[in-house]
C-alpha atoms as a PDB file:
ATOM      1  CA  MET A   1      -1.292 -58.991  31.718  1.00  0.00           C
ATOM      2  CA  ALA A   2       0.617 -55.742  31.141  1.00  0.00           C
ATOM      3  CA  GLN A   3      -1.978 -52.894  29.412  1.00  0.00           C
ATOM      4  CA  LYS A   4      -0.109 -51.587  26.487  1.00  0.00           C
ATOM      5  CA  GLU A   5       0.111 -47.643  26.044  1.00  0.00           C
ATOM      6  CA  ALA A   6      -2.165 -46.375  24.037  1.00  0.00           C
ATOM      7  CA  PHE A   7       0.036 -43.722  22.475  1.00  0.00           C
ATOM      8  CA  HIS A   8       2.402 -43.699  19.574  1.00  0.00           C
ATOM      9  CA  GLN A   9       6.257 -43.888  21.292  1.00  0.00           C
ATOM     10  CA  ALA A  10       8.999 -42.117  18.295  1.00  0.00           C
ATOM     11  CA  SER A  11      11.756 -44.463  17.702  1.00  0.00           C
ATOM     12  CA  PRO A  12      15.454 -43.252  17.515  1.00  0.00           C
ATOM     13  CA  THR A  13      14.671 -43.118  13.571  1.00  0.00           C
ATOM     14  CA  GLU A  14      11.092 -41.251  14.669  1.00  0.00           C
ATOM     15  CA  ALA A  15      12.388 -38.548  15.969  1.00  0.00           C
ATOM     16  CA  PHE A  16       9.868 -35.901  14.518  1.00  0.00           C
ATOM     17  CA  LEU A  17       6.211 -35.403  13.592  1.00  0.00           C
ATOM     18  CA  MET A  18       7.293 -35.476   9.607  1.00  0.00           C
ATOM     19  CA  ASP A  19       3.056 -35.073   8.116  1.00  0.00           C
ATOM     20  CA  CYS A  20       3.183 -31.764   9.637  1.00  0.00           C
ATOM     21  CA  TRP A  21       3.767 -27.842   8.724  1.00  0.00           C
ATOM     22  CA  TYR A  22       6.276 -25.955  10.479  1.00  0.00           C
ATOM     23  CA  VAL A  23       7.772 -22.426  10.459  1.00  0.00           C
ATOM     24  CA  ALA A  24      10.919 -22.747   8.056  1.00  0.00           C
ATOM     25  CA  ALA A  25      11.997 -19.183   7.835  1.00  0.00           C
ATOM     26  CA  TRP A  26      10.614 -14.903   8.160  1.00  0.00           C
ATOM     27  CA  ASP A  27      10.307 -13.682   5.555  1.00  0.00           C
ATOM     28  CA  HIS A  28      12.290 -10.644   5.530  1.00  0.00           C
ATOM     29  CA  GLU A  29      15.769 -13.766   5.551  1.00  0.00           C
ATOM     30  CA  LEU A  30      14.212 -14.319   1.960  1.00  0.00           C
ATOM     31  CA  ILE A  31      15.179 -10.462   0.726  1.00  0.00           C
ATOM     32  CA  GLY A  32      16.895 -10.160  -2.514  1.00  0.00           C
ATOM     33  CA  GLY A  33      17.313 -12.990  -4.038  1.00  0.00           C
ATOM     34  CA  ARG A  34      19.320 -14.431  -1.548  1.00  0.00           C
ATOM     35  CA  LEU A  35      19.628 -18.980  -0.950  1.00  0.00           C
ATOM     36  CA  LEU A  36      18.904 -19.983   2.828  1.00  0.00           C
ATOM     37  CA  ALA A  37      20.083 -22.901   4.310  1.00  0.00           C
ATOM     38  CA  ARG A  38      18.479 -24.193   7.093  1.00  0.00           C
ATOM     39  CA  THR A  39      18.190 -28.133   8.394  1.00  0.00           C
ATOM     40  CA  ILE A  40      15.085 -29.349   9.414  1.00  0.00           C
ATOM     41  CA  LEU A  41      13.634 -32.432  11.045  1.00  0.00           C
ATOM     42  CA  ASP A  42      17.387 -33.744  10.147  1.00  0.00           C
ATOM     43  CA  LYS A  43      16.762 -32.207   5.907  1.00  0.00           C
ATOM     44  CA  PRO A  44      19.438 -29.218   5.170  1.00  0.00           C
ATOM     45  CA  VAL A  45      17.185 -27.563   2.956  1.00  0.00           C
ATOM     46  CA  VAL A  46      17.625 -24.505   0.217  1.00  0.00           C
ATOM     47  CA  LEU A  47      14.981 -21.936  -0.131  1.00  0.00           C
ATOM     48  CA  TYR A  48      14.826 -19.055  -1.464  1.00  0.00           C
ATOM     49  CA  LYS A  49      12.011 -16.981  -3.506  1.00  0.00           C
ATOM     50  CA  GLY A  50      11.935 -16.794  -7.108  1.00  0.00           C
ATOM     51  CA  ASP A  51      11.573 -13.958  -9.647  1.00  0.00           C
ATOM     52  CA  SER A  52       7.752 -14.673 -10.035  1.00  0.00           C
ATOM     53  CA  GLY A  53       7.268 -13.675  -6.083  1.00  0.00           C
ATOM     54  CA  LYS A  54       6.344 -17.067  -5.429  1.00  0.00           C
ATOM     55  CA  VAL A  55       8.667 -19.679  -2.332  1.00  0.00           C
ATOM     56  CA  ALA A  56      10.088 -22.922  -2.979  1.00  0.00           C
ATOM     57  CA  ALA A  57      12.142 -25.222  -0.928  1.00  0.00           C
ATOM     58  CA  LEU A  58      14.687 -27.914  -2.168  1.00  0.00           C
ATOM     59  CA  ASP A  59      17.161 -30.704  -0.758  1.00  0.00           C
ATOM     60  CA  ASP A  60      20.264 -28.593  -0.394  1.00  0.00           C
ATOM     61  CA  ARG A  61      22.731 -31.193  -2.831  1.00  0.00           C
ATOM     62  CA  CYS A  62      22.841 -31.788  -5.772  1.00  0.00           C
ATOM     63  CA  CYS A  63      22.227 -34.645  -7.310  1.00  0.00           C
ATOM     64  CA  HIS A  64      25.816 -34.711  -8.655  1.00  0.00           C
ATOM     65  CA  ARG A  65      28.379 -34.587  -6.550  1.00  0.00           C
ATOM     66  CA  GLY A  66      26.429 -33.751  -3.473  1.00  0.00           C
ATOM     67  CA  ALA A  67      27.450 -29.843  -3.553  1.00  0.00           C
ATOM     68  CA  LYS A  68      25.189 -27.747  -1.218  1.00  0.00           C
ATOM     69  CA  LEU A  69      22.814 -25.736  -3.855  1.00  0.00           C
ATOM     70  CA  SER A  70      22.426 -22.684  -1.376  1.00  0.00           C
ATOM     71  CA  MET A  71      26.342 -21.994  -2.263  1.00  0.00           C
ATOM     72  CA  GLY A  72      24.965 -21.724  -6.297  1.00  0.00           C
ATOM     73  CA  ARG A  73      23.068 -18.773  -8.005  1.00  0.00           C
ATOM     74  CA  ARG A  74      19.553 -18.287  -8.171  1.00  0.00           C
ATOM     75  CA  GLU A  75      18.275 -17.958 -12.077  1.00  0.00           C
ATOM     76  CA  GLY A  76      14.848 -16.384 -11.931  1.00  0.00           C
ATOM     77  CA  ASP A  77      12.589 -19.377 -10.108  1.00  0.00           C
ATOM     78  CA  CYS A  78      15.686 -21.531 -10.697  1.00  0.00           C
ATOM     79  CA  VAL A  79      18.360 -22.201  -8.640  1.00  0.00           C
ATOM     80  CA  ARG A  80      21.803 -23.477 -10.040  1.00  0.00           C
ATOM     81  CA  CYS A  81      24.559 -25.671  -8.801  1.00  0.00           C
ATOM     82  CA  MET A  82      27.994 -23.815  -8.629  1.00  0.00           C
ATOM     83  CA  TYR A  83      29.894 -26.872  -8.777  1.00  0.00           C
ATOM     84  CA  HIS A  84      29.136 -28.280 -12.686  1.00  0.00           C
ATOM     85  CA  GLY A  85      26.883 -26.351 -13.372  1.00  0.00           C
ATOM     86  CA  LEU A  86      23.214 -27.539 -13.750  1.00  0.00           C
ATOM     87  CA  LYS A  87      20.443 -25.929 -12.770  1.00  0.00           C
ATOM     88  CA  PHE A  88      16.794 -26.932 -11.009  1.00  0.00           C
ATOM     89  CA  ASP A  89      13.951 -25.285 -10.760  1.00  0.00           C
ATOM     90  CA  ALA A  90      11.653 -24.507  -8.258  1.00  0.00           C
ATOM     91  CA  THR A  91      10.506 -27.963  -8.457  1.00  0.00           C
ATOM     92  CA  GLY A  92      13.978 -29.929  -7.534  1.00  0.00           C
ATOM     93  CA  LYS A  93      13.893 -30.748 -11.581  1.00  0.00           C
ATOM     94  CA  CYS A  94      16.877 -30.570 -13.107  1.00  0.00           C
ATOM     95  CA  VAL A  95      16.463 -28.351 -16.307  1.00  0.00           C
ATOM     96  CA  GLN A  96      19.622 -28.013 -17.893  1.00  0.00           C
ATOM     97  CA  ILE A  97      23.393 -29.972 -17.838  1.00  0.00           C
ATOM     98  CA  PRO A  98      25.548 -27.880 -18.864  1.00  0.00           C
ATOM     99  CA  GLY A  99      27.509 -29.160 -22.414  1.00  0.00           C
ATOM    100  CA  GLN A 100      24.402 -31.893 -22.405  1.00  0.00           C
ATOM    101  CA  ASP A 101      21.114 -32.183 -24.598  1.00  0.00           C
ATOM    102  CA  ASN A 102      19.628 -35.005 -23.294  1.00  0.00           C
ATOM    103  CA  ILE A 103      18.547 -34.478 -18.892  1.00  0.00           C
ATOM    104  CA  PRO A 104      17.561 -38.051 -17.374  1.00  0.00           C
ATOM    105  CA  PRO A 105      13.381 -36.885 -16.756  1.00  0.00           C
ATOM    106  CA  LYS A 106      13.849 -38.420 -13.473  1.00  0.00           C
ATOM    107  CA  LEU A 107      16.647 -36.286 -12.652  1.00  0.00           C
ATOM    108  CA  GLY A 108      16.518 -33.763 -10.199  1.00  0.00           C
ATOM    109  CA  VAL A 109      16.385 -33.477  -6.259  1.00  0.00           C
ATOM    110  CA  ARG A 110      13.266 -32.976  -4.083  1.00  0.00           C
ATOM    111  CA  GLY A 111      10.853 -30.093  -4.060  1.00  0.00           C
ATOM    112  CA  TYR A 112       9.401 -29.302  -0.503  1.00  0.00           C
ATOM    113  CA  PRO A 113       5.594 -27.941  -0.375  1.00  0.00           C
ATOM    114  CA  VAL A 114       6.124 -23.866   1.109  1.00  0.00           C
ATOM    115  CA  VAL A 115       3.961 -21.331   1.640  1.00  0.00           C
ATOM    116  CA  GLU A 116       4.113 -17.444   2.420  1.00  0.00           C
ATOM    117  CA  ARG A 117       1.266 -16.302   5.299  1.00  0.00           C
ATOM    118  CA  ASP A 118       1.853 -13.783   7.267  1.00  0.00           C
ATOM    119  CA  HIS A 119       5.292 -13.412   6.892  1.00  0.00           C
ATOM    120  CA  LEU A 120       6.348 -16.302   7.834  1.00  0.00           C
ATOM    121  CA  ILE A 121       7.949 -18.974   5.077  1.00  0.00           C
ATOM    122  CA  TRP A 122       6.128 -22.611   6.439  1.00  0.00           C
ATOM    123  CA  ILE A 123       7.577 -25.523   4.955  1.00  0.00           C
ATOM    124  CA  TRP A 124       5.762 -29.844   4.931  1.00  0.00           C
ATOM    125  CA  MET A 125       8.392 -31.829   4.905  1.00  0.00           C
ATOM    126  CA  GLY A 126       6.586 -35.714   5.415  1.00  0.00           C
ATOM    127  CA  ASP A 127       4.200 -36.311   2.271  1.00  0.00           C
ATOM    128  CA  PRO A 128       3.600 -34.100   0.006  1.00  0.00           C
ATOM    129  CA  ALA A 129      -0.140 -35.481  -0.856  1.00  0.00           C
ATOM    130  CA  LYS A 130      -0.930 -34.680   2.107  1.00  0.00           C
ATOM    131  CA  ALA A 131       0.143 -31.514   2.450  1.00  0.00           C
ATOM    132  CA  ASP A 132      -3.116 -29.030   2.664  1.00  0.00           C
ATOM    133  CA  PRO A 133      -2.536 -25.148   3.740  1.00  0.00           C
ATOM    134  CA  ALA A 134      -5.680 -24.956   5.110  1.00  0.00           C
ATOM    135  CA  GLY A 135      -4.140 -26.425   8.020  1.00  0.00           C
ATOM    136  CA  ILE A 136      -1.767 -24.081   8.545  1.00  0.00           C
ATOM    137  CA  LEU A 137      -2.801 -21.710  11.842  1.00  0.00           C
ATOM    138  CA  ASP A 138      -4.029 -17.982  11.526  1.00  0.00           C
ATOM    139  CA  PHE A 139      -2.241 -15.154  12.756  1.00  0.00           C
ATOM    140  CA  PRO A 140      -4.296 -12.592  12.782  1.00  0.00           C
ATOM    141  CA  TYR A 141      -2.590  -9.822  14.576  1.00  0.00           C
ATOM    142  CA  MET A 142       0.728 -10.767  12.396  1.00  0.00           C
ATOM    143  CA  ARG A 143      -0.743  -8.816  10.240  1.00  0.00           C
ATOM    144  CA  ASP A 144      -2.796  -6.392  12.240  1.00  0.00           C
ATOM    145  CA  SER A 145      -1.065  -2.605  11.910  1.00  0.00           C
ATOM    146  CA  GLY A 146      -2.738  -1.957  15.891  1.00  0.00           C
ATOM    147  CA  TRP A 147      -0.337  -4.667  16.916  1.00  0.00           C
ATOM    148  CA  ARG A 148       3.901  -4.069  17.296  1.00  0.00           C
ATOM    149  CA  GLY A 149       5.879  -6.704  16.527  1.00  0.00           C
ATOM    150  CA  HIS A 150       9.168  -7.584  16.962  1.00  0.00           C
ATOM    151  CA  PRO A 151      10.621 -11.379  14.822  1.00  0.00           C
ATOM    152  CA  GLY A 152      13.252 -13.180  16.017  1.00  0.00           C
ATOM    153  CA  TYR A 153      14.808 -16.696  17.324  1.00  0.00           C
ATOM    154  CA  LEU A 154      15.571 -18.834  19.975  1.00  0.00           C
ATOM    155  CA  HIS A 155      18.510 -21.633  19.286  1.00  0.00           C
ATOM    156  CA  TYR A 156      18.625 -24.390  21.833  1.00  0.00           C
ATOM    157  CA  ASP A 157      21.573 -26.960  21.885  1.00  0.00           C
ATOM    158  CA  ALA A 158      18.216 -29.755  23.398  1.00  0.00           C
ATOM    159  CA  ASN A 159      14.974 -31.908  22.573  1.00  0.00           C
ATOM    160  CA  TYR A 160      12.388 -29.243  21.159  1.00  0.00           C
ATOM    161  CA  LEU A 161       9.837 -31.853  23.601  1.00  0.00           C
ATOM    162  CA  LEU A 162      11.574 -30.098  26.051  1.00  0.00           C
ATOM    163  CA  ILE A 163      10.969 -26.271  25.191  1.00  0.00           C
ATOM    164  CA  VAL A 164       6.819 -27.999  24.379  1.00  0.00           C
ATOM    165  CA  ASP A 165       7.323 -28.493  28.131  1.00  0.00           C
ATOM    166  CA  ASN A 166       8.571 -25.539  28.887  1.00  0.00           C
ATOM    167  CA  LEU A 167       6.557 -23.337  26.773  1.00  0.00           C
ATOM    168  CA  SER A 168       3.477 -25.104  29.284  1.00  0.00           C
ATOM    169  CA  ASP A 169       4.601 -24.701  32.050  1.00  0.00           C
ATOM    170  CA  PHE A 170       3.936 -20.976  33.728  1.00  0.00           C
ATOM    171  CA  ALA A 171       5.440 -22.248  37.701  1.00  0.00           C
ATOM    172  CA  HIS A 172       9.040 -21.981  36.328  1.00  0.00           C
ATOM    173  CA  LEU A 173       8.516 -17.983  35.455  1.00  0.00           C
ATOM    174  CA  ALA A 174       9.037 -17.050  39.265  1.00  0.00           C
ATOM    175  CA  PHE A 175      11.902 -19.116  38.905  1.00  0.00           C
ATOM    176  CA  VAL A 176      13.942 -19.112  35.620  1.00  0.00           C
ATOM    177  CA  HIS A 177      12.941 -15.182  34.721  1.00  0.00           C
ATOM    178  CA  ALA A 178      12.267 -13.463  38.165  1.00  0.00           C
ATOM    179  CA  LYS A 179      13.671 -10.202  37.133  1.00  0.00           C
ATOM    180  CA  THR A 180      11.547  -9.676  33.603  1.00  0.00           C
ATOM    181  CA  LEU A 181       8.021 -11.525  33.339  1.00  0.00           C
ATOM    182  CA  GLY A 182       8.073 -13.848  36.784  1.00  0.00           C
ATOM    183  CA  GLY A 183       8.332 -11.467  39.353  1.00  0.00           C
ATOM    184  CA  SER A 184       7.197 -12.180  43.011  1.00  0.00           C
ATOM    185  CA  GLU A 185       7.706 -16.051  43.898  1.00  0.00           C
ATOM    186  CA  GLU A 186       4.275 -16.007  45.311  1.00  0.00           C
ATOM    187  CA  TYR A 187       3.191 -16.781  41.541  1.00  0.00           C
ATOM    188  CA  ALA A 188       4.848 -21.037  41.985  1.00  0.00           C
ATOM    189  CA  PHE A 189       3.188 -21.685  45.274  1.00  0.00           C
ATOM    190  CA  LYS A 190       0.108 -19.495  45.948  1.00  0.00           C
ATOM    191  CA  SER A 191      -1.605 -19.889  42.268  1.00  0.00           C
ATOM    192  CA  LYS A 192      -2.306 -22.989  40.278  1.00  0.00           C
ATOM    193  CA  PRO A 193      -3.946 -24.140  36.588  1.00  0.00           C
ATOM    194  CA  THR A 194      -7.365 -22.568  36.580  1.00  0.00           C
ATOM    195  CA  ALA A 195      -7.746 -25.165  33.102  1.00  0.00           C
ATOM    196  CA  ILE A 196      -5.804 -27.643  30.950  1.00  0.00           C
ATOM    197  CA  GLU A 197      -7.694 -29.134  28.188  1.00  0.00           C
ATOM    198  CA  ARG A 198      -6.448 -31.923  25.985  1.00  0.00           C
ATOM    199  CA  LEU A 199      -7.525 -30.707  22.428  1.00  0.00           C
ATOM    200  CA  ASP A 200      -7.366 -33.116  19.646  1.00  0.00           C
ATOM    201  CA  ASP A 201      -4.750 -30.893  17.792  1.00  0.00           C
ATOM    202  CA  GLY A 202      -3.064 -30.320  20.796  1.00  0.00           C
ATOM    203  CA  PHE A 203      -3.553 -28.241  24.643  1.00  0.00           C
ATOM    204  CA  ARG A 204      -4.678 -25.222  26.218  1.00  0.00           C
ATOM    205  CA  VAL A 205      -3.596 -24.267  29.935  1.00  0.00           C
ATOM    206  CA  GLU A 206      -4.363 -21.427  31.805  1.00  0.00           C
ATOM    207  CA  ARG A 207      -3.298 -19.704  35.026  1.00  0.00           C
ATOM    208  CA  TRP A 208      -4.102 -16.871  37.306  1.00  0.00           C
ATOM    209  CA  HIS A 209      -2.744 -14.868  40.044  1.00  0.00           C
ATOM    210  CA  MET A 210      -4.625 -12.011  41.472  1.00  0.00           C
ATOM    211  CA  ASN A 211      -3.927  -9.431  43.597  1.00  0.00           C
ATOM    212  CA  ALA A 212      -0.105 -10.029  43.285  1.00  0.00           C
ATOM    213  CA  PRO A 213       2.762  -7.550  42.383  1.00  0.00           C
ATOM    214  CA  PRO A 214       3.346  -6.453  39.232  1.00  0.00           C
ATOM    215  CA  PRO A 215       6.668  -8.609  37.823  1.00  0.00           C
ATOM    216  CA  PRO A 216       9.710  -6.677  36.624  1.00  0.00           C
ATOM    217  CA  PHE A 217       8.946  -5.581  33.176  1.00  0.00           C
ATOM    218  CA  HIS A 218       5.178  -4.906  33.936  1.00  0.00           C
ATOM    219  CA  LYS A 219       6.716  -2.034  36.344  1.00  0.00           C
ATOM    220  CA  LYS A 220       8.342  -0.548  33.147  1.00  0.00           C
ATOM    221  CA  VAL A 221       5.353   0.052  31.067  1.00  0.00           C
ATOM    222  CA  GLU A 222       3.465   1.183  33.878  1.00  0.00           C
ATOM    223  CA  ARG A 223       5.764   2.842  36.133  1.00  0.00           C
ATOM    224  CA  ASP A 224       3.506   3.842  39.328  1.00  0.00           C
ATOM    225  CA  ALA A 225       1.374  -0.525  38.891  1.00  0.00           C
ATOM    226  CA  GLY A 226       0.081  -1.282  41.607  1.00  0.00           C
ATOM    227  CA  PRO A 227      -1.526  -4.770  42.393  1.00  0.00           C
ATOM    228  CA  VAL A 228      -2.745  -6.306  39.214  1.00  0.00           C
ATOM    229  CA  ASP A 229      -4.627  -9.014  38.525  1.00  0.00           C
ATOM    230  CA  ARG A 230      -3.000 -11.503  35.393  1.00  0.00           C
ATOM    231  CA  ARG A 231      -4.028 -13.892  33.528  1.00  0.00           C
ATOM    232  CA  ASN A 232      -1.809 -16.674  31.450  1.00  0.00           C
ATOM    233  CA  ILE A 233      -2.530 -18.495  29.173  1.00  0.00           C
ATOM    234  CA  ALA A 234      -0.824 -20.926  26.370  1.00  0.00           C
ATOM    235  CA  ARG A 235      -2.202 -23.081  23.765  1.00  0.00           C
ATOM    236  CA  MET A 236      -0.315 -25.605  21.811  1.00  0.00           C
ATOM    237  CA  HIS A 237      -1.137 -27.349  18.538  1.00  0.00           C
ATOM    238  CA  VAL A 238       0.327 -29.494  17.553  1.00  0.00           C
ATOM    239  CA  PRO A 239       4.391 -30.087  16.601  1.00  0.00           C
ATOM    240  CA  GLY A 240       4.853 -27.581  18.707  1.00  0.00           C
ATOM    241  CA  ILE A 241       3.186 -23.634  18.046  1.00  0.00           C
ATOM    242  CA  PHE A 242       2.305 -21.937  20.744  1.00  0.00           C
ATOM    243  CA  PHE A 243      -0.227 -19.027  20.886  1.00  0.00           C
ATOM    244  CA  MET A 244       0.798 -17.188  24.279  1.00  0.00           C
ATOM    245  CA  GLU A 245      -0.904 -14.371  25.753  1.00  0.00           C
ATOM    246  CA  THR A 246      -0.596 -12.361  29.306  1.00  0.00           C
ATOM    247  CA  LEU A 247      -3.150  -9.852  30.152  1.00  0.00           C
ATOM    248  CA  PHE A 248      -3.154  -7.722  33.367  1.00  0.00           C
ATOM    249  CA  SER A 249      -5.954  -6.006  35.109  1.00  0.00           C
ATOM    250  CA  PRO A 250      -6.074  -3.631  38.099  1.00  0.00           C
ATOM    251  CA  ALA A 251      -6.167  -5.316  41.111  1.00  0.00           C
ATOM    252  CA  GLY A 252      -9.904  -7.188  42.351  1.00  0.00           C
ATOM    253  CA  SER A 253     -10.910  -7.546  38.391  1.00  0.00           C
ATOM    254  CA  GLY A 254      -9.823 -10.145  37.155  1.00  0.00           C
ATOM    255  CA  ALA A 255     -11.843 -12.144  39.655  1.00  0.00           C
ATOM    256  CA  ALA A 256     -14.851 -10.160  39.228  1.00  0.00           C
ATOM    257  CA  VAL A 257     -14.529 -11.672  35.625  1.00  0.00           C
ATOM    258  CA  SER A 258     -14.401 -15.375  37.203  1.00  0.00           C
ATOM    259  CA  ASP A 259     -17.660 -14.297  38.304  1.00  0.00           C
ATOM    260  CA  SER A 260     -18.755 -13.194  35.748  1.00  0.00           C
ATOM    261  CA  GLY A 261     -17.908 -14.268  32.189  1.00  0.00           C
ATOM    262  CA  ALA A 262     -17.538 -10.365  31.532  1.00  0.00           C
ATOM    263  CA  THR A 263     -14.807  -9.130  29.721  1.00  0.00           C
ATOM    264  CA  TRP A 264     -11.049  -9.133  31.371  1.00  0.00           C
ATOM    265  CA  PRO A 265     -10.534  -5.103  32.163  1.00  0.00           C
ATOM    266  CA  LEU A 266      -7.155  -4.647  30.581  1.00  0.00           C
ATOM    267  CA  LEU A 267      -4.234  -2.190  31.317  1.00  0.00           C
ATOM    268  CA  TRP A 268      -2.433  -3.785  28.956  1.00  0.00           C
ATOM    269  CA  ARG A 269      -2.208  -7.517  27.012  1.00  0.00           C
ATOM    270  CA  ILE A 270       1.809  -9.290  24.953  1.00  0.00           C
ATOM    271  CA  ARG A 271       0.800 -11.419  22.357  1.00  0.00           C
ATOM    272  CA  GLU A 272       3.992 -14.362  21.399  1.00  0.00           C
ATOM    273  CA  ILE A 273       3.359 -16.857  19.314  1.00  0.00           C
ATOM    274  CA  SER A 274       6.252 -19.508  19.095  1.00  0.00           C
ATOM    275  CA  CYS A 275       7.110 -21.938  16.140  1.00  0.00           C
ATOM    276  CA  CYS A 276       9.151 -25.156  17.571  1.00  0.00           C
ATOM    277  CA  ALA A 277      11.118 -26.106  14.136  1.00  0.00           C
ATOM    278  CA  PRO A 278      12.928 -28.366  15.266  1.00  0.00           C
ATOM    279  CA  SER A 279      17.171 -29.108  12.997  1.00  0.00           C
ATOM    280  CA  LEU A 280      18.784 -32.248  14.222  1.00  0.00           C
ATOM    281  CA  PRO A 281      17.751 -35.117  17.135  1.00  0.00           C
ATOM    282  CA  GLY A 282      18.952 -33.198  20.213  1.00  0.00           C
ATOM    283  CA  SER A 283      18.518 -29.246  18.472  1.00  0.00           C
ATOM    284  CA  ILE A 284      15.454 -26.638  18.108  1.00  0.00           C
ATOM    285  CA  ALA A 285      15.077 -23.387  17.100  1.00  0.00           C
ATOM    286  CA  GLU A 286      12.961 -21.096  18.282  1.00  0.00           C
ATOM    287  CA  ALA A 287      10.483 -18.438  15.606  1.00  0.00           C
END
């Protein structure tokens, strides 16, 4: 008898994990009262920051005739549809209908739980009763003045699960990124994962490459760089949020660390945060 699979296989109508926090935008994208249109998990959403300083996220479709609220006008903490003038508060409730005093109590658009933290705008697309801000991941170096970061996006015309696979697979670096962070093909042939951990909320992988030629982008930082010990770490949190670190130390010192458990003697370190935000079933934006 065939054994039933222990995991849940998503169907075409269940393309995404809904009850999770996703990154919807960077905080600077809402400066100046901008109404920002986004498609997240196949749902058109409008994001904005009201006069109170709080961020709101609503369905980007007026409940009257379907006009885009992102093409409307922000008024205080509300947004007005510029087709027939219906006005909605930050929860999505309709609070004004031009020329009509009676407003049906249930008239409105869907509002989404949203949190601004560490320069990121997080949104919960699933059951709002389950949206606990305590579940939002902490990014301490996003608010640490000792670190300098560069915010941006990569857009993929691909299933987001393929991007999760890509980011956790360091072996491809030597071929796909040969002229930047990959370097010698020796990385793929000689190095092997030193740790693969399955965790309750994702997984962690680690790979070391000892006494190796420095990759091209390392040479731009350390022009007279000799061989290095290199350590790559990826920690994935469901639904597709990655903490990634690349550490370099003088050749031979990394091996000593692995034997003694001492602190890694850094030449320098790179930290990357990658937040996969699926838009359509076959498309993704990575912040």
